[in-house]
Amino acid sequence: MNGDAILALAGFALVTSITPGPSNLLLLASGLNFGFRRSLPAALGVSGGFLTLLVIVGAGLGLVLQGGTVAVVFRVACLGYVLWLAWTVARSRPQGPSEIEALAQALSFWQAWWLQWINPKAWTVAALTAASYLSGASLWELVTLAAVFGVVNFPSVALWAAFGVFLRKFFSDPKARVVNVLLALLLVASMGPVLLHLFWG
């Protein structure tokens, strides 16, 4: 992979990482409710989970989860998990810096990591990236792919948590609860592709 290809990949990684999706909506809600520092584990989980998924898909192992009974069970589990996350977001409220319970309520690294495996945007981006930038079964290409995405992805998703912190200045507790409900509804709506595949795929 030459310099031009790496530059093109970095641009693709930036666009796909920073645009809205289930993970970024959750990080926005986390920043709004828990602040940036407490949202960092979730941001790391989002980035780490996607990079793991990218490597798995790039190695050709993602096909196991894309057909047959395994795929149906996987999608049902994914839908249930996202509905639970949406319910959690809808019930959240902004936490002050001195409230220790916020640490327990913020989305954890592993919750965010697992979300990537049921995130339709993450699967789509991983599949497109592997198809577009992997010319063969080269381990070096796959490592380069993951490295470039790793450098770009984490700052991009962390910006959503920072934007959530910015929004805290404009919303009192009652208004923030309305925003949380809206974000929860958007999160469920973002799983539309999963519903389409589950019932009509």
Protein backbone atom coordinates (compact mmCIF):
# COMPACT_ATOMS: atom_id res chain seq x y z
CA MET A 1 0.00 0.00 0.00
CA ASN A 2 1.71 3.20 -1.22
CA GLY A 3 1.51 6.71 0.20
CA ASP A 4 -1.39 7.81 -2.03
CA ALA A 5 -3.44 4.76 -1.02
CA ILE A 6 -2.75 5.39 2.67
CA LEU A 7 -3.79 9.04 2.29
CA ALA A 8 -7.00 8.00 0.53
CA LEU A 9 -7.65 5.42 3.26
CA ALA A 10 -7.13 8.06 5.97
CA GLY A 11 -9.69 10.32 4.28
CA PHE A 12 -12.15 7.43 4.00
CA ALA A 13 -11.55 6.56 7.66
CA LEU A 14 -12.21 10.15 8.72
CA VAL A 15 -15.48 10.44 6.80
CA THR A 16 -16.83 7.08 7.96
CA SER A 17 -15.68 7.53 11.57
CA ILE A 18 -16.98 11.04 12.18
CA THR A 19 -20.41 10.71 10.54
CA PRO A 20 -23.46 9.82 12.69
CA GLY A 21 -24.13 6.22 13.66
CA PRO A 22 -25.23 4.19 16.70
CA SER A 23 -21.85 4.44 18.43
CA ASN A 24 -21.45 8.17 17.90
CA LEU A 25 -24.98 8.83 19.14
CA LEU A 26 -24.19 6.91 22.31
CA LEU A 27 -20.98 8.87 22.80
CA LEU A 28 -22.89 12.11 22.32
CA ALA A 29 -25.35 11.01 25.02
CA SER A 30 -22.49 9.90 27.26
CA GLY A 31 -20.73 13.26 26.94
CA LEU A 32 -23.98 15.08 27.66
CA ASN A 33 -24.75 13.05 30.77
CA PHE A 34 -21.38 12.06 32.21
CA GLY A 35 -18.76 14.42 30.83
CA PHE A 36 -15.74 13.79 28.61
CA ARG A 37 -13.43 12.01 31.05
CA ARG A 38 -16.05 9.43 32.03
CA SER A 39 -16.87 8.92 28.35
CA LEU A 40 -13.29 8.07 27.35
CA PRO A 41 -13.61 4.32 28.15
CA ALA A 42 -16.63 4.16 25.85
CA ALA A 43 -14.77 6.03 23.09
CA LEU A 44 -11.85 3.60 23.43
CA GLY A 45 -14.30 0.69 23.36
CA VAL A 46 -15.93 1.98 20.18
CA SER A 47 -12.59 2.38 18.45
CA GLY A 48 -11.13 -0.88 19.74
CA GLY A 49 -14.26 -2.85 18.90
CA PHE A 50 -14.37 -1.50 15.36
CA LEU A 51 -10.70 -2.23 14.76
CA THR A 52 -11.23 -5.81 15.96
CA LEU A 53 -14.22 -6.14 13.64
CA LEU A 54 -12.24 -4.66 10.74
CA VAL A 55 -9.46 -7.21 11.20
CA ILE A 56 -11.96 -10.08 11.46
CA VAL A 57 -13.80 -8.98 8.32
CA GLY A 58 -10.53 -8.32 6.49
CA ALA A 59 -9.36 -11.83 7.32
CA GLY A 60 -12.59 -13.24 5.86
CA LEU A 61 -14.01 -14.56 9.13
CA GLY A 62 -16.98 -12.18 9.22
CA LEU A 63 -18.87 -14.35 6.72
CA VAL A 64 -19.77 -16.71 9.55
CA LEU A 65 -22.10 -14.09 11.01
CA GLN A 66 -23.74 -13.08 7.73
CA GLY A 67 -25.91 -16.03 6.79
CA GLY A 68 -28.15 -18.79 8.11
CA THR A 69 -29.47 -19.37 11.61
CA VAL A 70 -26.39 -17.84 13.22
CA ALA A 71 -27.12 -14.55 11.46
CA VAL A 72 -30.76 -14.51 12.63
CA VAL A 73 -29.81 -15.21 16.26
CA PHE A 74 -27.06 -12.61 16.02
CA ARG A 75 -29.44 -9.93 14.73
CA VAL A 76 -32.09 -10.67 17.34
CA ALA A 77 -29.46 -10.40 20.08
CA CYS A 78 -28.15 -7.20 18.53
CA LEU A 79 -31.59 -5.64 18.39
CA GLY A 80 -32.29 -6.52 22.04
CA TYR A 81 -28.97 -5.08 23.13
CA VAL A 82 -29.51 -1.81 21.29
CA LEU A 83 -33.04 -1.48 22.71
CA TRP A 84 -31.57 -1.92 26.19
CA LEU A 85 -28.93 0.73 25.47
CA ALA A 86 -31.61 3.09 24.13
CA TRP A 87 -33.67 2.59 27.29
CA THR A 88 -30.58 3.35 29.39
CA VAL A 89 -29.91 6.54 27.43
CA ALA A 90 -33.55 7.66 27.66
CA ARG A 91 -33.49 7.28 31.46
CA SER A 92 -30.15 9.06 31.93
CA ARG A 93 -29.77 12.53 33.39
CA PRO A 94 -26.79 14.89 33.46
CA GLN A 95 -24.45 14.15 36.34
CA GLY A 96 -22.47 16.75 38.24
CA PRO A 97 -18.72 16.23 38.58
CA SER A 98 -19.07 15.35 42.26
CA GLU A 99 -21.65 12.62 41.76
CA ILE A 100 -19.78 9.36 42.09
CA GLU A 101 -22.68 7.27 40.75
CA ALA A 102 -22.04 8.67 37.28
CA LEU A 103 -18.92 6.54 37.02
CA ALA A 104 -21.01 3.40 37.34
CA GLN A 105 -23.70 4.57 34.93
CA ALA A 106 -21.47 5.68 32.06
CA LEU A 107 -21.14 3.28 29.14
CA SER A 108 -18.20 0.97 29.81
CA PHE A 109 -15.34 0.01 27.50
CA TRP A 110 -16.72 -3.50 26.97
CA GLN A 111 -20.29 -2.35 26.39
CA ALA A 112 -19.04 -0.02 23.67
CA TRP A 113 -16.71 -2.72 22.30
CA TRP A 114 -19.51 -5.26 21.94
CA LEU A 115 -21.78 -2.68 20.33
CA GLN A 116 -19.55 -2.68 17.23
CA TRP A 117 -20.39 -6.31 16.56
CA ILE A 118 -24.08 -5.45 16.28
CA ASN A 119 -23.64 -2.05 14.66
CA PRO A 120 -24.81 -2.08 11.01
CA LYS A 121 -22.71 0.98 10.20
CA ALA A 122 -19.57 -0.70 11.59
CA TRP A 123 -20.18 -3.86 9.52
CA THR A 124 -20.82 -1.82 6.37
CA VAL A 125 -17.70 0.29 6.81
CA ALA A 126 -15.56 -2.76 7.62
CA ALA A 127 -16.83 -4.62 4.54
CA LEU A 128 -16.36 -1.59 2.25
CA THR A 129 -12.88 -0.94 3.62
CA ALA A 130 -11.78 -4.55 3.16
CA ALA A 131 -13.21 -4.70 -0.36
CA SER A 132 -11.70 -1.37 -1.40
CA TYR A 133 -8.27 -1.42 0.21
CA LEU A 134 -7.26 -5.07 0.53
CA SER A 135 -5.91 -6.43 -2.72
CA GLY A 136 -5.20 -9.89 -1.34
CA ALA A 137 -4.52 -11.93 1.77
CA SER A 138 -1.54 -9.78 2.77
CA LEU A 139 -1.02 -9.54 6.52
CA TRP A 140 0.96 -6.31 6.04
CA GLU A 141 -1.96 -4.68 4.20
CA LEU A 142 -4.36 -5.70 6.95
CA VAL A 143 -2.06 -4.34 9.68
CA THR A 144 -1.63 -1.07 7.74
CA LEU A 145 -5.40 -0.83 7.31
CA ALA A 146 -6.03 -1.28 11.03
CA ALA A 147 -3.23 1.15 11.96
CA VAL A 148 -4.55 3.96 9.75
CA PHE A 149 -8.10 3.47 10.99
CA GLY A 150 -6.86 3.35 14.57
CA VAL A 151 -5.09 6.70 14.25
CA VAL A 152 -8.13 8.38 12.67
CA ASN A 153 -11.04 6.61 14.34
CA PHE A 154 -10.48 7.29 18.04
CA PRO A 155 -10.14 11.11 17.80
CA SER A 156 -13.14 11.18 15.46
CA VAL A 157 -15.49 9.29 17.76
CA ALA A 158 -14.16 11.07 20.85
CA LEU A 159 -15.28 14.35 19.26
CA TRP A 160 -18.87 13.19 19.68
CA ALA A 161 -18.38 12.85 23.43
CA ALA A 162 -16.78 16.31 23.46
CA PHE A 163 -19.76 17.69 21.57
CA GLY A 164 -22.04 16.14 24.19
CA VAL A 165 -20.10 18.00 26.88
CA PHE A 166 -20.53 21.21 24.88
CA LEU A 167 -24.30 20.67 24.77
CA ARG A 168 -24.45 20.45 28.58
CA LYS A 169 -24.05 24.23 28.70
CA PHE A 170 -27.33 24.72 26.86
CA PHE A 171 -29.59 22.17 28.50
CA SER A 172 -30.89 22.13 32.03
CA ASP A 173 -31.76 18.77 33.57
CA PRO A 174 -35.38 18.64 32.23
CA LYS A 175 -34.30 19.69 28.73
CA ALA A 176 -31.43 17.22 28.75
CA ARG A 177 -33.88 14.43 29.51
CA VAL A 178 -35.80 15.37 26.34
CA VAL A 179 -32.53 15.26 24.38
CA ASN A 180 -31.76 11.84 25.87
CA VAL A 181 -35.13 10.49 24.72
CA LEU A 182 -34.52 11.92 21.24
CA LEU A 183 -31.07 10.32 21.10
CA ALA A 184 -32.56 7.01 22.26
CA LEU A 185 -35.13 7.14 19.44
CA LEU A 186 -32.40 7.99 16.91
CA LEU A 187 -30.34 5.07 18.20
CA VAL A 188 -33.24 2.66 17.62
CA ALA A 189 -33.87 4.20 14.18
CA SER A 190 -30.21 3.69 13.26
CA MET A 191 -30.78 -0.05 13.63
CA GLY A 192 -33.23 0.02 10.70
CA PRO A 193 -30.94 -2.08 8.47
CA VAL A 194 -30.90 -4.83 11.10
CA LEU A 195 -34.71 -4.87 11.22
CA LEU A 196 -34.92 -5.00 7.43
CA HIS A 197 -32.52 -7.94 7.26
CA LEU A 198 -34.21 -9.69 10.17
CA PHE A 199 -37.76 -9.57 8.86
CA TRP A 200 -37.35 -9.12 5.11
CA GLY A 201 -33.74 -10.13 4.39
